[in-house]
Structures are given as C-alpha cells and as structure tokens.
Amino acid sequence: MAGSIRSVGKIPAFLFTLLICACLAHPSSAQRRLSSGSPLDTLGKNPSQEEGWEILKTFRSLGWDGGYNWRIQLKIMPRRERTRYVNGLMYGDRNESGPISRIDVIESPADVNADGEVTEAVILRLLLQSGKGAYAMRKRSGEAGPPEVVDSAVSLERIAGSEFSLFDLMAPYIHWPRFRYEGRTTFRGSPTHLFWMHPPEGDTALTDRISGVRLYINDTFKYLAQTEIFGVDGKKMKTLYILGLEKVDEQTIFKEMDVRNEITRDKTRLKIVDARMGLELPASLFTAQSLLENLQDLTIPVSRQETFAPVN
C-alpha cells in the first residue's frame, strides 16, 4: 500500500500516517519504550517551542510520490469474542489541501440465505480529506439519498465493528493549531520527537471526549511511529502503532498498523494485502459523486508516473 523515494510523514488521509526505514522494532506490551539514550534528548527539559514548530511544519509537508491503490484487511481481535476479518479497497493521493483518499469497506459480504436468495454486500464508501479544511463524507451501498458529511461526533464512531474510527484514519490532530513540543527522546532505540496536540476549543464534540493526542515522530526517518489518544479524565483511551515495513514500487510503506483500545484491550490490525504506488489517478475519483458507486464497479484509469534519469 515509480517515482523518487521521499521521507513520508503521515498515513495519507487515512492513516493514516509514515515510513522510510529498513526495519522497525516490534512494540512491547508497554508500547512507549522511552529512555534517556542520548545527551541530545530534551524530554522534560523545557525544550524550545520554536524548534518544535519547525519540526512539526516539516513533518506536515511530507508525503508519498504520486497516488496509490491498496487492498486492505482489518483483523478485528476482541478479547472475549472470535477474531473476524473485514476487507476493503483504497485509493489515495494528495491535493492542494493535503492527503485525500477514497475507501470502500465491506461491512457485510454478499451471501446466499437459506432460501437460496442472494443478499447483496453492504459496503461503506468513504471520502476522506486530511490537512487544512479536512472533511469526511460517507454513503452505504443500497441506501438512498446523497452522501452524508460526517461531523466530529460521528467521526469518533467505530468502523465496521473495528477499533478504527474515521478520526483515526484521517489523523486531523496532526494539523491542530495548538500544540506543546514535549522534546526529543529515545523511543524503540531511535531519536523521536514528542508532541502534545490540543483539540480545537470550538469543537465541543471533540473537547468533551478528548483532552489531547500525543505524537511520536521519528527524527531520523520522519514517520509517525506511534499515536496516543487521551480522554478528558487524562487516561489513555487508544494507541496506534506501526508493526512492519516493506518496499513497493521503490517506496516504503507500512505492512500493518495496530490500534488498541486501552480501556477494553480489544485490538484491530490494519494490513495492506496488496499495493501499487506512484500512480496518476483521476481527480474525479476523489469527489462526492464517486460515493454513489462501489470502487470495484468504477472504471478508474490508472497510469504510472513518468520518471526521467538526469542527463549527464
């Protein structure tokens, strides 16, 4: 889940949020693994907020080269119930506002009932714009009417019974204006910058539920290694973290990402089953009109970005 390789800062529109490094240590049960492993570490030492702002600005500007197409799978792992799987399809790119993605999640696959009648699949269609002016739209297959604009309260709801929400996939907290740079530390053996992001004061749907989000930004490779979401009581509600990496079409992407509910300890794993990177995708794919059809039913012209070797 062609073009030149660039450091990537977040999973576009989705996850999103990212990765250019050879390997990533598997997270322990404690997850944080903070240590004072370098004299350059400044965590707890009143670090420069101006320096933090420059780090955050750089991180926000990063992204993959070109568009992409992923087949994804959600492995839903409740502690007291059976594991189940939900499949999906995703296209993503970047526009003038930031990362944008079009996703289909198969909430219920097509089936045949006891009478031999075919029941249609139920597909949740999503359009997610991250960055400045972020928004989300959704529509389910088989439902009448236009696509629905999702507000902040609805964005916190779980998707297809998983622990992921639209809030997690869009990662709007990366662009929240109020933040505190907590400093540089050593996390999983690598220099990492910690930021505490404050939710927008005017969005009561968020401030009534979330006190802040902590970001762990790898200093060397400029990817979001871990995210922690805290409730208004100051307790951690949710943790998202990357599990592994692979190179596809000369670009490095994550293999899997876990989200863990810190209250119930239920977990969901997002896996990229198949990926194409460095694509040129039509702008029409990322419009509300595209939500009127399933992605698999759309004719989507896809081509590779052209790359040219320098002339000596």
Foldseek 3Di string as FASTA:
>chain_A
DPDAEDQAAQQFLFTNIFDDDDKADAADPVRWAWDAPDPQWCFPPPDDVVVVVVLLVVSQPGHGAFKKKFKKKKFWFFPPDDIDIKIKIKIWGADPQTIKMKMKIFLAPWDADPVRDIDHTKIKIKIWHEHPPTWIWIDIPPDDDFIDTDDPLQQCDDDSPHNHGSCNTRVNQSHAPDKDWRTWTQGSNAIWTKMWGAPDPVRCSDLQFWGTKIFTAGPPRNYTAKMWTATPVRDTFKIKGAGIWDAANNYIGTQKMKMAGPVSRIIMIMGGPDMDDQKHWDPVCNDSVVNNDDPVPDDTDIDHDDDDDDDD
